């Protein structure tokens, strides 16, 4: 049996970047800051997020830098060769399946619909 589930609640670190493909697919990428409590201060851990389809469209329309959101997804690794050195590189990315908009109307200028948005 294998299990790959990531659940996080935090604030968007930047506005979502959206790409539309000729096939009709939509992908959205942004970062999520999640505070890690330590004795000294709250230090954020940063996570790269990747959303597809309807979930990506909802994020593009309603998530802004600083928005409080919850996500559920799976950890994956993007791999590539560095252009300058040719060495293999990789980074962890969370492939989001479910997005929860947790902020209040006060948090955003626009009216944000509360609720959960699944990719499926």
N, C-alpha and C. Protein backbone atom coordinates (compact mmCIF):
# COMPACT_ATOMS: atom_id res chain seq x y z
N UNK A 1 0.84 -1.17 0.00
CA UNK A 1 0.00 0.00 0.00
C UNK A 1 0.89 1.24 0.00
N UNK A 2 0.50 2.25 -0.76
CA UNK A 2 1.23 3.51 -0.75
C UNK A 2 0.26 4.65 -0.51
N UNK A 3 0.78 5.73 0.03
CA UNK A 3 -0.06 6.87 0.39
C UNK A 3 0.72 8.15 0.13
N UNK A 4 0.14 9.08 -0.60
CA UNK A 4 0.78 10.36 -0.90
C UNK A 4 -0.29 11.44 -0.82
N UNK A 5 -0.51 11.95 0.39
CA UNK A 5 -1.52 12.98 0.62
C UNK A 5 -0.89 14.12 1.39
N UNK A 6 -1.10 15.34 0.90
CA UNK A 6 -0.60 16.54 1.56
C UNK A 6 -1.81 17.43 1.84
N UNK A 7 -1.95 17.89 3.08
CA UNK A 7 -3.02 18.81 3.47
C UNK A 7 -2.36 19.99 4.16
N UNK A 8 -2.62 21.20 3.64
CA UNK A 8 -2.01 22.40 4.20
C UNK A 8 -3.02 23.54 4.27
N UNK A 9 -2.82 24.43 5.23
CA UNK A 9 -3.57 25.68 5.33
C UNK A 9 -2.55 26.78 5.48
N UNK A 10 -2.67 27.79 4.63
CA UNK A 10 -1.72 28.90 4.68
C UNK A 10 -2.19 30.05 3.82
N UNK A 11 -1.27 30.96 3.53
CA UNK A 11 -1.58 32.13 2.73
C UNK A 11 -0.80 32.10 1.42
N UNK A 12 -1.48 32.54 0.35
CA UNK A 12 -0.84 32.59 -0.96
C UNK A 12 0.32 33.57 -0.92
N UNK A 13 1.46 33.12 -1.42
CA UNK A 13 2.66 33.96 -1.41
C UNK A 13 2.73 34.92 -2.57
N UNK A 14 1.95 34.68 -3.60
CA UNK A 14 1.89 35.57 -4.76
C UNK A 14 0.59 35.30 -5.50
N UNK A 15 0.25 36.20 -6.41
CA UNK A 15 -0.93 35.97 -7.25
C UNK A 15 -0.69 34.75 -8.14
N UNK A 16 -1.72 33.97 -8.41
CA UNK A 16 -1.57 32.80 -9.28
C UNK A 16 -1.14 33.18 -10.70
N UNK A 17 -0.27 32.36 -11.28
CA UNK A 17 0.11 32.49 -12.69
C UNK A 17 -0.68 31.43 -13.45
N UNK A 18 -1.40 31.87 -14.49
CA UNK A 18 -2.31 30.97 -15.21
C UNK A 18 -1.84 30.80 -16.65
N UNK A 19 -1.89 29.55 -17.14
CA UNK A 19 -1.59 29.26 -18.54
C UNK A 19 -2.77 28.49 -19.14
N UNK A 20 -3.21 28.93 -20.31
CA UNK A 20 -4.27 28.25 -21.05
C UNK A 20 -3.63 27.54 -22.25
N UNK A 21 -4.01 26.29 -22.47
CA UNK A 21 -3.47 25.51 -23.58
C UNK A 21 -4.51 25.40 -24.68
N UNK A 22 -4.05 25.16 -25.91
CA UNK A 22 -4.95 25.00 -27.05
C UNK A 22 -5.93 23.86 -26.85
N UNK A 23 -5.52 22.86 -26.07
CA UNK A 23 -6.38 21.71 -25.81
C UNK A 23 -7.56 22.07 -24.90
N UNK A 24 -7.52 23.26 -24.30
CA UNK A 24 -8.57 23.66 -23.37
C UNK A 24 -8.16 23.51 -21.91
N UNK A 25 -7.07 22.82 -21.66
CA UNK A 25 -6.58 22.66 -20.29
C UNK A 25 -6.08 23.99 -19.74
N UNK A 26 -6.19 24.13 -18.42
CA UNK A 26 -5.72 25.31 -17.72
C UNK A 26 -4.84 24.84 -16.57
N UNK A 27 -3.70 25.49 -16.38
CA UNK A 27 -2.83 25.20 -15.24
C UNK A 27 -2.55 26.51 -14.52
N UNK A 28 -2.44 26.41 -13.21
CA UNK A 28 -2.23 27.58 -12.36
C UNK A 28 -1.13 27.22 -11.36
N UNK A 29 -0.17 28.13 -11.18
CA UNK A 29 0.92 27.91 -10.24
C UNK A 29 1.06 29.12 -9.32
N UNK A 30 1.31 28.85 -8.04
CA UNK A 30 1.65 29.89 -7.07
C UNK A 30 2.24 29.23 -5.85
N UNK A 31 2.70 30.05 -4.91
CA UNK A 31 3.31 29.51 -3.70
C UNK A 31 2.37 29.67 -2.51
N UNK A 32 2.58 28.84 -1.51
CA UNK A 32 1.79 28.87 -0.29
C UNK A 32 2.74 28.95 0.90
N UNK A 33 2.51 29.92 1.78
CA UNK A 33 3.30 30.07 3.00
C UNK A 33 2.51 29.48 4.16
N UNK A 34 3.13 28.55 4.87
CA UNK A 34 2.50 27.90 6.02
C UNK A 34 3.41 28.14 7.23
N UNK A 35 2.88 28.81 8.26
CA UNK A 35 3.70 29.11 9.44
C UNK A 35 4.06 27.84 10.18
N UNK A 36 5.33 27.76 10.54
CA UNK A 36 5.85 26.68 11.37
C UNK A 36 6.17 27.30 12.72
N UNK A 37 5.50 26.85 13.74
CA UNK A 37 5.70 27.44 15.06
C UNK A 37 7.03 26.98 15.65
N UNK A 38 7.80 27.97 16.07
CA UNK A 38 9.05 27.69 16.79
C UNK A 38 9.01 28.49 18.08
N UNK A 39 10.00 28.30 18.92
CA UNK A 39 10.02 29.02 20.19
C UNK A 39 10.25 30.51 19.98
N UNK A 40 11.00 30.86 18.95
CA UNK A 40 11.35 32.25 18.73
C UNK A 40 10.27 33.01 17.95
N UNK A 41 9.91 32.51 16.78
CA UNK A 41 8.98 33.21 15.91
C UNK A 41 8.21 32.20 15.07
N UNK A 42 7.23 32.73 14.35
CA UNK A 42 6.56 31.90 13.35
C UNK A 42 7.36 32.02 12.06
N UNK A 43 7.97 30.94 11.65
CA UNK A 43 8.75 30.93 10.41
C UNK A 43 7.93 30.22 9.34
N UNK A 44 7.74 30.85 8.18
CA UNK A 44 6.94 30.18 7.15
C UNK A 44 7.74 29.13 6.39
N UNK A 45 7.08 28.04 6.06
CA UNK A 45 7.59 27.08 5.09
C UNK A 45 6.90 27.41 3.79
N UNK A 46 7.62 27.37 2.67
CA UNK A 46 7.08 27.74 1.37
C UNK A 46 6.89 26.50 0.52
N UNK A 47 5.73 26.41 -0.12
CA UNK A 47 5.40 25.27 -0.97
C UNK A 47 4.97 25.76 -2.34
N UNK A 48 5.48 25.12 -3.40
CA UNK A 48 5.04 25.41 -4.76
C UNK A 48 3.80 24.57 -5.05
N UNK A 49 2.74 25.23 -5.57
CA UNK A 49 1.48 24.55 -5.87
C UNK A 49 1.23 24.53 -7.36
N UNK A 50 0.61 23.44 -7.83
CA UNK A 50 0.19 23.30 -9.23
C UNK A 50 -1.25 22.82 -9.23
N UNK A 51 -2.13 23.59 -9.90
CA UNK A 51 -3.55 23.27 -9.97
C UNK A 51 -3.95 23.17 -11.43
N UNK A 52 -4.88 22.28 -11.75
CA UNK A 52 -5.34 22.06 -13.12
C UNK A 52 -6.85 22.18 -13.21
N UNK A 53 -7.34 22.45 -14.40
CA UNK A 53 -8.77 22.40 -14.70
C UNK A 53 -9.59 23.44 -13.95
N UNK A 54 -10.77 23.00 -13.49
CA UNK A 54 -11.71 23.89 -12.79
C UNK A 54 -11.07 24.48 -11.54
N UNK A 55 -10.30 23.69 -10.82
CA UNK A 55 -9.64 24.17 -9.61
C UNK A 55 -8.69 25.31 -9.94
N UNK A 56 -7.97 25.20 -11.05
CA UNK A 56 -7.06 26.27 -11.49
C UNK A 56 -7.82 27.54 -11.83
N UNK A 57 -8.98 27.39 -12.47
CA UNK A 57 -9.79 28.55 -12.83
C UNK A 57 -10.31 29.27 -11.60
N UNK A 58 -10.75 28.51 -10.59
CA UNK A 58 -11.23 29.11 -9.35
C UNK A 58 -10.10 29.86 -8.66
N UNK A 59 -8.92 29.24 -8.60
CA UNK A 59 -7.77 29.91 -7.98
C UNK A 59 -7.41 31.19 -8.73
N UNK A 60 -7.43 31.13 -10.05
CA UNK A 60 -7.10 32.31 -10.86
C UNK A 60 -8.08 33.45 -10.61
N UNK A 61 -9.34 33.12 -10.39
CA UNK A 61 -10.36 34.14 -10.21
C UNK A 61 -10.46 34.69 -8.79
N UNK A 62 -10.13 33.89 -7.77
CA UNK A 62 -10.41 34.29 -6.40
C UNK A 62 -9.21 34.33 -5.46
N UNK A 63 -8.11 33.69 -5.80
CA UNK A 63 -6.94 33.69 -4.91
C UNK A 63 -6.03 34.85 -5.29
N UNK A 64 -5.61 35.60 -4.31
CA UNK A 64 -4.66 36.69 -4.48
C UNK A 64 -3.58 36.56 -3.41
N UNK A 65 -2.48 37.25 -3.61
CA UNK A 65 -1.41 37.23 -2.62
C UNK A 65 -1.99 37.56 -1.25
N UNK A 66 -1.71 36.72 -0.27
CA UNK A 66 -2.22 36.92 1.09
C UNK A 66 -3.51 36.19 1.40
N UNK A 67 -4.20 35.64 0.39
CA UNK A 67 -5.46 34.92 0.62
C UNK A 67 -5.21 33.69 1.49
N UNK A 68 -6.11 33.47 2.44
CA UNK A 68 -6.05 32.29 3.30
C UNK A 68 -6.77 31.14 2.58
N UNK A 69 -6.04 30.06 2.33
CA UNK A 69 -6.61 28.90 1.63
C UNK A 69 -6.18 27.61 2.29
N UNK A 70 -6.94 26.56 2.02
CA UNK A 70 -6.58 25.21 2.41
C UNK A 70 -6.47 24.39 1.14
N UNK A 71 -5.51 23.47 1.11
CA UNK A 71 -5.35 22.61 -0.06
C UNK A 71 -5.18 21.16 0.36
N UNK A 72 -5.55 20.28 -0.55
CA UNK A 72 -5.30 18.85 -0.38
C UNK A 72 -4.77 18.37 -1.73
N UNK A 73 -3.70 17.61 -1.71
CA UNK A 73 -3.11 17.14 -2.95
C UNK A 73 -2.06 16.08 -2.71
N UNK A 74 -1.15 15.94 -3.69
CA UNK A 74 -0.10 14.93 -3.63
C UNK A 74 1.25 15.58 -3.95
N UNK A 75 2.29 15.09 -3.33
CA UNK A 75 3.64 15.58 -3.55
C UNK A 75 4.22 14.92 -4.79
N UNK A 76 4.83 15.74 -5.67
CA UNK A 76 5.52 15.21 -6.84
C UNK A 76 6.82 15.98 -6.98
N UNK A 77 7.70 15.52 -7.83
CA UNK A 77 8.96 16.21 -8.08
C UNK A 77 9.06 16.56 -9.55
N UNK A 78 9.25 17.86 -9.84
CA UNK A 78 9.53 18.30 -11.20
C UNK A 78 11.03 18.16 -11.43
N UNK A 79 11.42 17.60 -12.56
CA UNK A 79 12.83 17.39 -12.87
C UNK A 79 13.17 18.04 -14.21
N UNK A 80 14.39 18.57 -14.31
CA UNK A 80 14.88 19.18 -15.54
C UNK A 80 16.40 19.22 -15.49
N UNK A 81 17.01 19.55 -16.62
CA UNK A 81 18.45 19.76 -16.68
C UNK A 81 18.74 21.25 -16.68
N UNK A 82 19.66 21.68 -15.83
CA UNK A 82 20.03 23.08 -15.72
C UNK A 82 20.59 23.57 -17.06
N UNK A 83 20.10 24.71 -17.54
CA UNK A 83 20.52 25.22 -18.85
C UNK A 83 21.99 25.60 -18.90
N UNK A 84 22.52 26.12 -17.80
CA UNK A 84 23.91 26.57 -17.82
C UNK A 84 24.90 25.45 -17.53
N UNK A 85 24.58 24.59 -16.59
CA UNK A 85 25.53 23.53 -16.21
C UNK A 85 25.20 22.18 -16.83
N UNK A 86 23.96 21.99 -17.25
CA UNK A 86 23.55 20.70 -17.80
C UNK A 86 23.29 19.64 -16.73
N UNK A 87 23.43 20.02 -15.47
CA UNK A 87 23.22 19.07 -14.37
C UNK A 87 21.73 18.86 -14.11
N UNK A 88 21.35 17.66 -13.70
CA UNK A 88 19.94 17.41 -13.39
C UNK A 88 19.52 18.17 -12.13
N UNK A 89 18.33 18.75 -12.16
CA UNK A 89 17.76 19.49 -11.03
C UNK A 89 16.36 18.98 -10.79
N UNK A 90 15.86 19.22 -9.57
CA UNK A 90 14.47 18.86 -9.25
C UNK A 90 13.99 19.74 -8.11
N UNK A 91 12.66 19.83 -7.99
CA UNK A 91 12.06 20.56 -6.88
C UNK A 91 10.74 19.90 -6.54
N UNK A 92 10.37 19.91 -5.26
CA UNK A 92 9.08 19.35 -4.87
C UNK A 92 7.95 20.32 -5.22
N UNK A 93 6.84 19.77 -5.70
CA UNK A 93 5.66 20.54 -6.06
C UNK A 93 4.44 19.78 -5.53
N UNK A 94 3.46 20.51 -5.02
CA UNK A 94 2.23 19.87 -4.57
C UNK A 94 1.19 20.00 -5.67
N UNK A 95 0.74 18.88 -6.18
CA UNK A 95 -0.30 18.81 -7.21
C UNK A 95 -1.63 18.85 -6.49
N UNK A 96 -2.31 20.00 -6.52
CA UNK A 96 -3.51 20.24 -5.72
C UNK A 96 -4.73 19.62 -6.38
N UNK A 97 -5.47 18.81 -5.62
CA UNK A 97 -6.72 18.22 -6.08
C UNK A 97 -7.93 18.94 -5.52
N UNK A 98 -7.78 19.54 -4.33
CA UNK A 98 -8.90 20.21 -3.67
C UNK A 98 -8.43 21.54 -3.11
N UNK A 99 -9.22 22.59 -3.35
CA UNK A 99 -8.91 23.94 -2.89
C UNK A 99 -10.05 24.44 -2.02
N UNK A 100 -9.72 24.94 -0.84
CA UNK A 100 -10.70 25.55 0.06
C UNK A 100 -10.40 27.04 0.18
N UNK A 101 -11.37 27.89 -0.14
CA UNK A 101 -11.23 29.33 0.04
C UNK A 101 -11.68 29.66 1.46
N UNK A 102 -10.74 30.04 2.31
CA UNK A 102 -11.03 30.20 3.73
C UNK A 102 -11.15 31.63 4.19
N UNK A 103 -10.78 32.57 3.37
CA UNK A 103 -10.81 33.98 3.78
C UNK A 103 -12.21 34.52 3.90
N UNK A 104 -12.32 35.64 4.60
CA UNK A 104 -13.61 36.31 4.73
C UNK A 104 -13.71 37.39 3.67
N UNK A 105 -14.88 37.99 3.54
CA UNK A 105 -15.08 39.07 2.58
C UNK A 105 -14.16 40.25 2.91
N UNK A 106 -13.86 40.44 4.18
CA UNK A 106 -12.96 41.54 4.58
C UNK A 106 -11.56 41.32 4.05
N UNK A 107 -11.15 40.06 3.89
CA UNK A 107 -9.79 39.76 3.44
C UNK A 107 -9.57 40.18 2.00
N UNK A 108 -10.62 40.19 1.18
CA UNK A 108 -10.49 40.52 -0.24
C UNK A 108 -11.45 41.63 -0.61
N UNK A 109 -11.09 42.37 -1.64
CA UNK A 109 -11.96 43.43 -2.14
C UNK A 109 -13.20 42.81 -2.78
N UNK A 110 -12.98 41.74 -3.58
CA UNK A 110 -14.09 41.08 -4.28
C UNK A 110 -14.83 40.17 -3.32
N UNK A 111 -16.05 39.84 -3.66
CA UNK A 111 -16.79 38.87 -2.88
C UNK A 111 -16.27 37.49 -3.25
N UNK A 112 -15.79 36.75 -2.25
CA UNK A 112 -15.20 35.44 -2.48
C UNK A 112 -16.19 34.36 -2.07
N UNK A 113 -16.53 33.45 -2.98
CA UNK A 113 -17.44 32.37 -2.58
C UNK A 113 -16.71 31.40 -1.65
N UNK A 114 -17.31 31.11 -0.52
CA UNK A 114 -16.73 30.15 0.41
C UNK A 114 -17.01 28.74 -0.10
N UNK A 115 -16.11 27.82 0.16
CA UNK A 115 -16.39 26.45 -0.19
C UNK A 115 -15.20 25.72 -0.74
N UNK A 116 -15.47 24.53 -1.15
CA UNK A 116 -14.44 23.61 -1.62
C UNK A 116 -14.57 23.42 -3.13
N UNK A 117 -13.43 23.36 -3.79
CA UNK A 117 -13.41 23.17 -5.24
C UNK A 117 -12.47 22.03 -5.57
N UNK A 118 -13.05 20.97 -6.13
CA UNK A 118 -12.28 19.80 -6.49
C UNK A 118 -11.97 19.83 -7.98
N UNK A 119 -10.87 19.18 -8.32
CA UNK A 119 -10.46 19.09 -9.70
C UNK A 119 -11.40 18.20 -10.49
N UNK A 120 -11.97 17.23 -9.83
CA UNK A 120 -12.76 16.22 -10.55
C UNK A 120 -14.20 16.59 -10.69
